[in-house]
Amino acid sequence: MSAGYPTPAAPWSVSRARTPSGSTAETLVLIALVLQIIGGVLVLFGIAWLFGLSLVHPFAGRWVWFALTAAGVVGVLVVVFLYFAYTLCYRRIQRGEYAEAQAPTLVIGILSLFFGLIPGIFYLVGYAKLDSAIREQQGPPPVYGVPTAVPPIACTGCGRVYPVGAYAFCPACGRKLGP
């Protein structure tokens, strides 16, 4: 490749393997995003309804601007929050970057608990699944203390076979076992 695009150290499938828990976390975060989009649209429709009500209601001159400003602020906050949730959580989980997506998923999950309880719960369960996905991505832990199979040693004098380390000399002929 070129200097602008260096060759990765390991293939994508090795370094960022998809795991079953990662797929579950991706689904949970996607459900939370969809619920947040629905909640944001409902809030914006509610503000638009209040804006329409303030236009019809008499003496609504100053409330029209207040409703318009509130709708704009809420709309911008909803879009920014959804953008961060999508880029920092969902896209990273899709790419298999579970460790990088873990902290943003926790923060967005906690913030979502205040603005919408159900999406926040989905984010937090997705966060817990990301922990499992990281462990699955790393593979099984190494096993220590289990001896590997060592072939037995044969006596060069009589040809009898003994386990390695059981005898220093052959009990049958008395020759030294091993090299």
N, C-alpha and C. Protein backbone atom coordinates (compact mmCIF):
# COMPACT_ATOMS: atom_id res chain seq x y z
N MET A 1 0.83 -1.17 0.00
CA MET A 1 0.00 0.00 0.00
C MET A 1 0.88 1.24 0.00
N SER A 2 0.27 2.39 0.10
CA SER A 2 1.05 3.63 0.05
C SER A 2 1.29 4.16 1.46
N ALA A 3 2.05 5.25 1.52
CA ALA A 3 2.36 5.85 2.82
C ALA A 3 1.11 6.43 3.47
N GLY A 4 0.16 6.88 2.65
CA GLY A 4 -1.08 7.44 3.19
C GLY A 4 -1.99 6.39 3.78
N TYR A 5 -1.89 5.18 3.27
CA TYR A 5 -2.72 4.09 3.74
C TYR A 5 -1.82 2.92 4.11
N PRO A 6 -1.29 2.89 5.33
CA PRO A 6 -0.38 1.82 5.69
C PRO A 6 -1.09 0.48 5.79
N THR A 7 -0.33 -0.56 5.60
CA THR A 7 -0.87 -1.91 5.70
C THR A 7 -1.19 -2.21 7.16
N PRO A 8 -2.38 -2.73 7.45
CA PRO A 8 -2.71 -3.02 8.84
C PRO A 8 -1.81 -4.13 9.39
N ALA A 9 -1.63 -4.10 10.71
CA ALA A 9 -0.75 -5.07 11.37
C ALA A 9 -1.32 -6.48 11.27
N ALA A 10 -2.63 -6.60 11.37
CA ALA A 10 -3.29 -7.90 11.28
C ALA A 10 -4.52 -7.75 10.40
N PRO A 11 -4.95 -8.82 9.76
CA PRO A 11 -6.17 -8.71 8.95
C PRO A 11 -7.37 -8.34 9.81
N TRP A 12 -8.37 -7.74 9.18
CA TRP A 12 -9.55 -7.28 9.90
C TRP A 12 -10.22 -8.42 10.65
N SER A 13 -10.28 -9.58 10.04
CA SER A 13 -10.98 -10.69 10.67
C SER A 13 -10.27 -11.17 11.93
N VAL A 14 -8.96 -10.97 12.01
CA VAL A 14 -8.23 -11.42 13.19
C VAL A 14 -8.33 -10.38 14.30
N SER A 15 -8.10 -9.10 13.97
CA SER A 15 -8.05 -8.09 15.01
C SER A 15 -9.44 -7.65 15.48
N ARG A 16 -10.42 -7.67 14.61
CA ARG A 16 -11.75 -7.21 14.97
C ARG A 16 -12.80 -8.26 14.62
N ALA A 17 -12.70 -9.41 15.24
CA ALA A 17 -13.63 -10.49 14.96
C ALA A 17 -14.99 -10.19 15.58
N ARG A 18 -16.04 -10.48 14.84
CA ARG A 18 -17.40 -10.30 15.36
C ARG A 18 -17.73 -11.45 16.28
N THR A 19 -18.37 -11.13 17.38
CA THR A 19 -18.73 -12.15 18.36
C THR A 19 -20.24 -12.17 18.53
N PRO A 20 -20.80 -13.25 19.08
CA PRO A 20 -22.24 -13.29 19.32
C PRO A 20 -22.71 -12.20 20.29
N SER A 21 -21.95 -11.95 21.34
CA SER A 21 -22.32 -10.89 22.28
C SER A 21 -22.21 -9.52 21.63
N GLY A 22 -21.26 -9.36 20.71
CA GLY A 22 -21.14 -8.10 19.98
C GLY A 22 -22.34 -7.86 19.08
N SER A 23 -22.84 -8.91 18.44
CA SER A 23 -24.04 -8.77 17.62
C SER A 23 -25.26 -8.43 18.47
N THR A 24 -25.33 -9.01 19.65
CA THR A 24 -26.44 -8.69 20.56
C THR A 24 -26.34 -7.23 21.02
N ALA A 25 -25.14 -6.78 21.35
CA ALA A 25 -24.95 -5.39 21.76
C ALA A 25 -25.31 -4.44 20.62
N GLU A 26 -24.94 -4.81 19.40
CA GLU A 26 -25.29 -3.98 18.24
C GLU A 26 -26.80 -3.86 18.08
N THR A 27 -27.51 -4.96 18.25
CA THR A 27 -28.97 -4.95 18.14
C THR A 27 -29.59 -4.10 19.24
N LEU A 28 -29.10 -4.23 20.47
CA LEU A 28 -29.65 -3.45 21.58
C LEU A 28 -29.43 -1.96 21.38
N VAL A 29 -28.25 -1.57 20.92
CA VAL A 29 -27.97 -0.14 20.69
C VAL A 29 -28.82 0.38 19.53
N LEU A 30 -29.03 -0.45 18.51
CA LEU A 30 -29.88 -0.03 17.39
C LEU A 30 -31.32 0.17 17.85
N ILE A 31 -31.82 -0.71 18.70
CA ILE A 31 -33.18 -0.55 19.24
C ILE A 31 -33.27 0.74 20.04
N ALA A 32 -32.25 1.02 20.85
CA ALA A 32 -32.24 2.25 21.65
C ALA A 32 -32.23 3.48 20.74
N LEU A 33 -31.45 3.43 19.66
CA LEU A 33 -31.41 4.55 18.71
C LEU A 33 -32.77 4.78 18.07
N VAL A 34 -33.42 3.70 17.66
CA VAL A 34 -34.75 3.84 17.03
C VAL A 34 -35.74 4.41 18.03
N LEU A 35 -35.71 3.94 19.27
CA LEU A 35 -36.62 4.48 20.29
C LEU A 35 -36.33 5.95 20.57
N GLN A 36 -35.05 6.33 20.54
CA GLN A 36 -34.72 7.74 20.75
C GLN A 36 -35.19 8.60 19.57
N ILE A 37 -35.10 8.08 18.37
CA ILE A 37 -35.60 8.82 17.21
C ILE A 37 -37.11 9.02 17.33
N ILE A 38 -37.81 7.97 17.70
CA ILE A 38 -39.26 8.08 17.88
C ILE A 38 -39.59 9.08 18.98
N GLY A 39 -38.88 9.01 20.10
CA GLY A 39 -39.11 9.96 21.20
C GLY A 39 -38.79 11.39 20.80
N GLY A 40 -37.71 11.58 20.04
CA GLY A 40 -37.37 12.92 19.58
C GLY A 40 -38.40 13.49 18.63
N VAL A 41 -38.92 12.65 17.74
CA VAL A 41 -39.97 13.12 16.81
C VAL A 41 -41.23 13.46 17.58
N LEU A 42 -41.58 12.66 18.58
CA LEU A 42 -42.78 12.96 19.38
C LEU A 42 -42.62 14.27 20.15
N VAL A 43 -41.44 14.51 20.70
CA VAL A 43 -41.21 15.76 21.42
C VAL A 43 -41.29 16.94 20.46
N LEU A 44 -40.71 16.81 19.29
CA LEU A 44 -40.77 17.89 18.31
C LEU A 44 -42.20 18.13 17.84
N PHE A 45 -42.99 17.08 17.65
CA PHE A 45 -44.40 17.27 17.30
C PHE A 45 -45.17 17.95 18.43
N GLY A 46 -44.84 17.59 19.67
CA GLY A 46 -45.49 18.25 20.80
C GLY A 46 -45.17 19.74 20.85
N ILE A 47 -43.92 20.08 20.61
CA ILE A 47 -43.53 21.49 20.61
C ILE A 47 -44.18 22.21 19.43
N ALA A 48 -44.24 21.53 18.28
CA ALA A 48 -44.90 22.14 17.12
C ALA A 48 -46.39 22.34 17.40
N TRP A 49 -47.00 21.41 18.10
CA TRP A 49 -48.42 21.57 18.44
C TRP A 49 -48.61 22.77 19.38
N LEU A 50 -47.72 22.91 20.36
CA LEU A 50 -47.79 24.07 21.25
C LEU A 50 -47.55 25.36 20.48
N PHE A 51 -46.67 25.31 19.50
CA PHE A 51 -46.42 26.48 18.65
C PHE A 51 -47.69 26.84 17.88
N GLY A 52 -48.35 25.84 17.32
CA GLY A 52 -49.61 26.09 16.60
C GLY A 52 -50.69 26.60 17.54
N LEU A 53 -50.75 26.08 18.74
CA LEU A 53 -51.73 26.54 19.72
C LEU A 53 -51.46 27.98 20.13
N SER A 54 -50.18 28.33 20.24
CA SER A 54 -49.87 29.70 20.62
C SER A 54 -50.18 30.68 19.50
N LEU A 55 -50.20 30.23 18.26
CA LEU A 55 -50.59 31.11 17.15
C LEU A 55 -52.08 31.39 17.16
N VAL A 56 -52.87 30.39 17.54
CA VAL A 56 -54.32 30.53 17.53
C VAL A 56 -54.82 31.27 18.77
N HIS A 57 -54.16 31.07 19.86
CA HIS A 57 -54.58 31.65 21.13
C HIS A 57 -54.38 33.17 21.11
N PRO A 58 -55.34 33.92 21.63
CA PRO A 58 -55.15 35.37 21.67
C PRO A 58 -54.04 35.75 22.66
N PHE A 59 -53.43 36.85 22.44
CA PHE A 59 -52.34 37.38 23.26
C PHE A 59 -51.13 36.42 23.25
N ALA A 60 -50.86 35.86 22.11
CA ALA A 60 -49.80 34.85 22.03
C ALA A 60 -48.54 35.39 21.36
N GLY A 61 -48.40 36.68 21.24
CA GLY A 61 -47.26 37.26 20.54
C GLY A 61 -45.92 36.85 21.11
N ARG A 62 -45.75 36.97 22.42
CA ARG A 62 -44.45 36.63 22.99
C ARG A 62 -44.26 35.12 23.12
N TRP A 63 -45.33 34.34 23.23
CA TRP A 63 -45.21 32.90 23.37
C TRP A 63 -44.83 32.22 22.06
N VAL A 64 -45.14 32.85 20.95
CA VAL A 64 -44.79 32.27 19.66
C VAL A 64 -43.27 32.17 19.53
N TRP A 65 -42.58 33.22 19.89
CA TRP A 65 -41.13 33.21 19.79
C TRP A 65 -40.50 32.26 20.80
N PHE A 66 -41.11 32.18 21.96
CA PHE A 66 -40.61 31.25 22.96
C PHE A 66 -40.76 29.80 22.47
N ALA A 67 -41.93 29.47 21.92
CA ALA A 67 -42.17 28.11 21.41
C ALA A 67 -41.25 27.80 20.24
N LEU A 68 -41.04 28.78 19.37
CA LEU A 68 -40.15 28.58 18.23
C LEU A 68 -38.71 28.35 18.69
N THR A 69 -38.26 29.11 19.66
CA THR A 69 -36.91 28.94 20.19
C THR A 69 -36.77 27.59 20.90
N ALA A 70 -37.76 27.21 21.68
CA ALA A 70 -37.73 25.92 22.38
C ALA A 70 -37.69 24.76 21.38
N ALA A 71 -38.47 24.86 20.31
CA ALA A 71 -38.48 23.81 19.29
C ALA A 71 -37.12 23.72 18.61
N GLY A 72 -36.52 24.84 18.34
CA GLY A 72 -35.20 24.83 17.70
C GLY A 72 -34.14 24.24 18.60
N VAL A 73 -34.13 24.61 19.87
CA VAL A 73 -33.13 24.10 20.81
C VAL A 73 -33.31 22.60 21.01
N VAL A 74 -34.54 22.17 21.22
CA VAL A 74 -34.80 20.74 21.43
C VAL A 74 -34.45 19.95 20.17
N GLY A 75 -34.79 20.48 19.01
CA GLY A 75 -34.46 19.80 17.76
C GLY A 75 -32.97 19.63 17.58
N VAL A 76 -32.21 20.69 17.85
CA VAL A 76 -30.75 20.61 17.72
C VAL A 76 -30.17 19.62 18.73
N LEU A 77 -30.66 19.65 19.98
CA LEU A 77 -30.16 18.72 20.99
C LEU A 77 -30.47 17.27 20.64
N VAL A 78 -31.65 17.01 20.11
CA VAL A 78 -32.01 15.65 19.71
C VAL A 78 -31.10 15.17 18.59
N VAL A 79 -30.88 16.00 17.60
CA VAL A 79 -30.03 15.60 16.47
C VAL A 79 -28.58 15.39 16.92
N VAL A 80 -28.05 16.27 17.74
CA VAL A 80 -26.67 16.13 18.22
C VAL A 80 -26.53 14.86 19.07
N PHE A 81 -27.48 14.62 19.97
CA PHE A 81 -27.42 13.44 20.81
C PHE A 81 -27.47 12.16 19.98
N LEU A 82 -28.37 12.13 18.99
CA LEU A 82 -28.47 10.96 18.13
C LEU A 82 -27.21 10.77 17.29
N TYR A 83 -26.62 11.86 16.85
CA TYR A 83 -25.38 11.78 16.06
C TYR A 83 -24.27 11.16 16.90
N PHE A 84 -24.11 11.63 18.12
CA PHE A 84 -23.06 11.08 18.98
C PHE A 84 -23.34 9.62 19.33
N ALA A 85 -24.59 9.29 19.60
CA ALA A 85 -24.92 7.90 19.91
C ALA A 85 -24.64 7.00 18.72
N TYR A 86 -24.93 7.47 17.53
CA TYR A 86 -24.70 6.67 16.33
C TYR A 86 -23.21 6.50 16.05
N THR A 87 -22.46 7.60 16.07
CA THR A 87 -21.05 7.51 15.69
C THR A 87 -20.18 6.89 16.78
N LEU A 88 -20.42 7.23 18.03
CA LEU A 88 -19.55 6.74 19.10
C LEU A 88 -19.91 5.34 19.58
N CYS A 89 -21.17 4.96 19.43
CA CYS A 89 -21.59 3.64 19.93
C CYS A 89 -21.85 2.66 18.78
N TYR A 90 -22.86 2.97 18.00
CA TYR A 90 -23.34 1.99 17.02
C TYR A 90 -22.30 1.69 15.94
N ARG A 91 -21.68 2.70 15.37
CA ARG A 91 -20.69 2.48 14.30
C ARG A 91 -19.48 1.71 14.82
N ARG A 92 -19.03 2.02 16.03
CA ARG A 92 -17.89 1.31 16.59
C ARG A 92 -18.23 -0.15 16.86
N ILE A 93 -19.44 -0.40 17.32
CA ILE A 93 -19.85 -1.78 17.57
C ILE A 93 -19.95 -2.53 16.24
N GLN A 94 -20.45 -1.88 15.20
CA GLN A 94 -20.53 -2.51 13.89
C GLN A 94 -19.15 -2.91 13.37
N ARG A 95 -18.16 -2.08 13.63
CA ARG A 95 -16.80 -2.36 13.15
C ARG A 95 -16.07 -3.35 14.04
N GLY A 96 -16.67 -3.76 15.15
CA GLY A 96 -16.03 -4.71 16.06
C GLY A 96 -15.10 -4.06 17.06
N GLU A 97 -15.17 -2.74 17.21
CA GLU A 97 -14.34 -2.01 18.16
C GLU A 97 -15.07 -1.92 19.51
N TYR A 98 -15.17 -3.07 20.16
CA TYR A 98 -15.99 -3.16 21.37
C TYR A 98 -15.39 -2.37 22.53
N ALA A 99 -14.10 -2.41 22.70
CA ALA A 99 -13.46 -1.70 23.81
C ALA A 99 -13.61 -0.18 23.63
N GLU A 100 -13.53 0.29 22.39
CA GLU A 100 -13.66 1.72 22.14
C GLU A 100 -15.10 2.19 22.30
N ALA A 101 -16.06 1.30 22.08
CA ALA A 101 -17.48 1.67 22.18
C ALA A 101 -18.03 1.54 23.60
N GLN A 102 -17.27 0.94 24.49
CA GLN A 102 -17.80 0.63 25.82
C GLN A 102 -18.08 1.89 26.64
N ALA A 103 -17.13 2.79 26.75
CA ALA A 103 -17.32 3.99 27.58
C ALA A 103 -18.39 4.92 27.02
N PRO A 104 -18.41 5.21 25.70
CA PRO A 104 -19.49 6.06 25.19
C PRO A 104 -20.87 5.44 25.37
N THR A 105 -20.97 4.12 25.26
CA THR A 105 -22.26 3.47 25.45
C THR A 105 -22.74 3.62 26.89
N LEU A 106 -21.83 3.54 27.84
CA LEU A 106 -22.21 3.73 29.24
C LEU A 106 -22.67 5.16 29.49
N VAL A 107 -21.92 6.14 28.99
CA VAL A 107 -22.27 7.55 29.21
C VAL A 107 -23.61 7.88 28.56
N ILE A 108 -23.79 7.46 27.33
CA ILE A 108 -25.05 7.75 26.63
C ILE A 108 -26.19 6.99 27.28
N GLY A 109 -25.92 5.79 27.79
CA GLY A 109 -26.96 5.04 28.49
C GLY A 109 -27.41 5.75 29.76
N ILE A 110 -26.46 6.29 30.51
CA ILE A 110 -26.82 7.02 31.73
C ILE A 110 -27.58 8.30 31.40
N LEU A 111 -27.12 9.04 30.40
CA LEU A 111 -27.84 10.25 29.99
C LEU A 111 -29.23 9.93 29.47
N SER A 112 -29.36 8.80 28.79
CA SER A 112 -30.66 8.42 28.24
C SER A 112 -31.64 8.02 29.32
N LEU A 113 -31.14 7.61 30.48
CA LEU A 113 -32.06 7.29 31.58
C LEU A 113 -32.84 8.51 32.03
N PHE A 114 -32.24 9.70 31.90
CA PHE A 114 -32.92 10.92 32.32
C PHE A 114 -33.92 11.41 31.29
N PHE A 115 -33.65 11.16 30.00
CA PHE A 115 -34.53 11.70 28.95
C PHE A 115 -35.47 10.67 28.38
N GLY A 116 -35.20 9.42 28.57
CA GLY A 116 -36.07 8.34 28.10
C GLY A 116 -35.63 7.07 28.77
N LEU A 117 -36.42 6.54 29.64
CA LEU A 117 -36.01 5.41 30.48
C LEU A 117 -35.71 4.16 29.66
N ILE A 118 -36.55 3.82 28.72
CA ILE A 118 -36.40 2.56 27.98
C ILE A 118 -35.14 2.56 27.11
N PRO A 119 -34.86 3.61 26.31
CA PRO A 119 -33.59 3.58 25.56
C PRO A 119 -32.36 3.51 26.47
N GLY A 120 -32.43 4.16 27.61
CA GLY A 120 -31.31 4.10 28.55
C GLY A 120 -31.06 2.69 29.04
N ILE A 121 -32.12 1.95 29.30
CA ILE A 121 -31.97 0.56 29.73
C ILE A 121 -31.35 -0.28 28.61
N PHE A 122 -31.79 -0.06 27.38
CA PHE A 122 -31.20 -0.79 26.25
C PHE A 122 -29.72 -0.48 26.10
N TYR A 123 -29.34 0.78 26.26
CA TYR A 123 -27.92 1.15 26.18
C TYR A 123 -27.11 0.46 27.29
N LEU A 124 -27.65 0.43 28.50
CA LEU A 124 -26.91 -0.17 29.61
C LEU A 124 -26.78 -1.68 29.47
N VAL A 125 -27.82 -2.34 28.95
CA VAL A 125 -27.71 -3.77 28.69
C VAL A 125 -26.72 -4.02 27.55
N GLY A 126 -26.72 -3.12 26.55
CA GLY A 126 -25.74 -3.22 25.48
C GLY A 126 -24.33 -3.04 26.00
N TYR A 127 -24.16 -2.14 26.97
CA TYR A 127 -22.85 -1.94 27.61
C TYR A 127 -22.39 -3.23 28.29
N ALA A 128 -23.30 -3.90 28.98
CA ALA A 128 -22.94 -5.16 29.65
C ALA A 128 -22.57 -6.23 28.62
N LYS A 129 -23.26 -6.25 27.50
CA LYS A 129 -22.94 -7.21 26.44
C LYS A 129 -21.59 -6.90 25.80
N LEU A 130 -21.22 -5.63 25.75
CA LEU A 130 -19.92 -5.26 25.19
C LEU A 130 -18.78 -5.85 26.03
N ASP A 131 -18.97 -5.92 27.34
CA ASP A 131 -17.96 -6.53 28.20
C ASP A 131 -17.78 -8.01 27.83
N SER A 132 -18.89 -8.70 27.61
CA SER A 132 -18.81 -10.10 27.18
C SER A 132 -18.18 -10.22 25.81
N ALA A 133 -18.50 -9.28 24.92
CA ALA A 133 -17.94 -9.32 23.56
C ALA A 133 -16.43 -9.12 23.58
N ILE A 134 -15.95 -8.27 24.46
CA ILE A 134 -14.50 -8.05 24.56
C ILE A 134 -13.81 -9.34 25.01
N ARG A 135 -14.40 -10.02 25.99
CA ARG A 135 -13.81 -11.27 26.46
C ARG A 135 -13.86 -12.34 25.37
N GLU A 136 -14.95 -12.39 24.61
CA GLU A 136 -15.05 -13.36 23.52
C GLU A 136 -14.06 -13.04 22.41
N GLN A 137 -13.83 -11.77 22.16
CA GLN A 137 -12.92 -11.35 21.10
C GLN A 137 -11.47 -11.70 21.45
N GLN A 138 -11.14 -11.68 22.72
CA GLN A 138 -9.78 -12.00 23.14
C GLN A 138 -9.49 -13.49 23.10
N GLY A 139 -10.52 -14.31 23.06
CA GLY A 139 -10.32 -15.75 23.01
C GLY A 139 -10.31 -16.34 24.41
N PRO A 140 -10.18 -17.66 24.47
CA PRO A 140 -10.18 -18.30 25.79
C PRO A 140 -8.90 -17.97 26.55
N PRO A 141 -9.00 -17.92 27.87
CA PRO A 141 -7.80 -17.61 28.66
C PRO A 141 -6.81 -18.77 28.58
N PRO A 142 -5.52 -18.47 28.70
CA PRO A 142 -4.54 -19.56 28.68
C PRO A 142 -4.68 -20.44 29.91
N VAL A 143 -4.40 -21.71 29.73
CA VAL A 143 -4.51 -22.68 30.81
C VAL A 143 -3.11 -22.95 31.33
N TYR A 144 -2.91 -22.69 32.61
CA TYR A 144 -1.61 -22.90 33.24
C TYR A 144 -1.70 -24.10 34.17
N GLY A 145 -0.58 -24.78 34.34
CA GLY A 145 -0.53 -25.88 35.29
C GLY A 145 -0.92 -27.22 34.71
N VAL A 146 -1.41 -27.28 33.49
CA VAL A 146 -1.77 -28.55 32.89
C VAL A 146 -0.56 -29.03 32.09
N PRO A 147 0.00 -30.16 32.46
CA PRO A 147 1.19 -30.62 31.73
C PRO A 147 0.84 -31.07 30.32
N THR A 148 1.76 -30.85 29.43
CA THR A 148 1.58 -31.32 28.07
C THR A 148 2.00 -32.78 28.01
N ALA A 149 1.55 -33.48 27.03
CA ALA A 149 1.87 -34.89 26.89
C ALA A 149 3.33 -35.04 26.47
N VAL A 150 4.09 -35.76 27.29
CA VAL A 150 5.50 -36.01 27.01
C VAL A 150 5.64 -37.48 26.64
N PRO A 151 6.30 -37.76 25.52
CA PRO A 151 6.43 -39.18 25.14
C PRO A 151 7.32 -39.94 26.14
N PRO A 152 7.05 -41.21 26.34
CA PRO A 152 7.86 -41.99 27.28
C PRO A 152 9.28 -42.20 26.73
N ILE A 153 10.19 -42.62 27.61
CA ILE A 153 11.59 -42.83 27.22
C ILE A 153 11.89 -44.33 27.25
N ALA A 154 12.66 -44.79 26.27
CA ALA A 154 13.00 -46.21 26.18
C ALA A 154 14.45 -46.41 26.61
N CYS A 155 14.71 -47.52 27.26
CA CYS A 155 16.07 -47.88 27.68
C CYS A 155 16.86 -48.32 26.45
N THR A 156 18.09 -47.83 26.33
CA THR A 156 18.92 -48.19 25.17
C THR A 156 19.49 -49.60 25.30
N GLY A 157 19.52 -50.17 26.52
CA GLY A 157 20.08 -51.51 26.73
C GLY A 157 19.06 -52.61 26.50
N CYS A 158 17.92 -52.56 27.21
CA CYS A 158 16.94 -53.64 27.13
C CYS A 158 15.70 -53.27 26.31
N GLY A 159 15.49 -51.97 26.05
CA GLY A 159 14.36 -51.55 25.21
C GLY A 159 13.05 -51.35 25.96
N ARG A 160 13.05 -51.48 27.26
CA ARG A 160 11.82 -51.26 28.02
C ARG A 160 11.48 -49.77 28.06
N VAL A 161 10.20 -49.49 28.12
CA VAL A 161 9.72 -48.11 28.07
C VAL A 161 9.24 -47.70 29.46
N TYR A 162 9.68 -46.49 29.87
CA TYR A 162 9.30 -45.94 31.18
C TYR A 162 8.83 -44.49 31.00
N PRO A 163 7.98 -44.00 31.91
CA PRO A 163 7.61 -42.58 31.85
C PRO A 163 8.82 -41.69 32.12
N VAL A 164 8.84 -40.53 31.51
CA VAL A 164 9.96 -39.61 31.68
C VAL A 164 9.99 -39.13 33.12
N GLY A 165 11.16 -39.20 33.73
CA GLY A 165 11.34 -38.72 35.08
C GLY A 165 11.01 -39.73 36.15
N ALA A 166 10.50 -40.90 35.79
CA ALA A 166 10.15 -41.90 36.80
C ALA A 166 11.41 -42.56 37.38
N TYR A 167 12.38 -42.85 36.52
CA TYR A 167 13.62 -43.50 36.95
C TYR A 167 14.80 -42.80 36.30
N ALA A 168 15.90 -42.72 37.03
CA ALA A 168 17.14 -42.21 36.45
C ALA A 168 17.90 -43.33 35.76
N PHE A 169 17.76 -44.57 36.30
CA PHE A 169 18.41 -45.74 35.72
C PHE A 169 17.35 -46.81 35.47
N CYS A 170 17.55 -47.62 34.48
CA CYS A 170 16.60 -48.68 34.12
C CYS A 170 16.57 -49.71 35.25
N PRO A 171 15.38 -50.00 35.80
CA PRO A 171 15.30 -51.01 36.87
C PRO A 171 15.63 -52.42 36.40
N ALA A 172 15.53 -52.68 35.10
CA ALA A 172 15.77 -54.04 34.60
C ALA A 172 17.25 -54.28 34.35
N CYS A 173 17.95 -53.36 33.66
CA CYS A 173 19.34 -53.61 33.28
C CYS A 173 20.33 -52.66 33.96
N GLY A 174 19.90 -51.57 34.55
CA GLY A 174 20.75 -50.67 35.29
C GLY A 174 21.40 -49.56 34.45
N ARG A 175 21.09 -49.50 33.16
CA ARG A 175 21.66 -48.43 32.34
C ARG A 175 20.97 -47.11 32.64
N LYS A 176 21.70 -46.00 32.34
CA LYS A 176 21.16 -44.66 32.55
C LYS A 176 20.09 -44.39 31.49
N LEU A 177 18.95 -43.85 31.95
CA LEU A 177 17.86 -43.51 31.03
C LEU A 177 18.04 -42.07 30.56
N GLY A 178 17.74 -41.82 29.32
CA GLY A 178 17.80 -40.47 28.77
C GLY A 178 19.11 -40.20 28.09
N PRO A 179 19.33 -38.99 27.64
CA PRO A 179 20.54 -38.65 26.90
C PRO A 179 21.78 -38.54 27.75
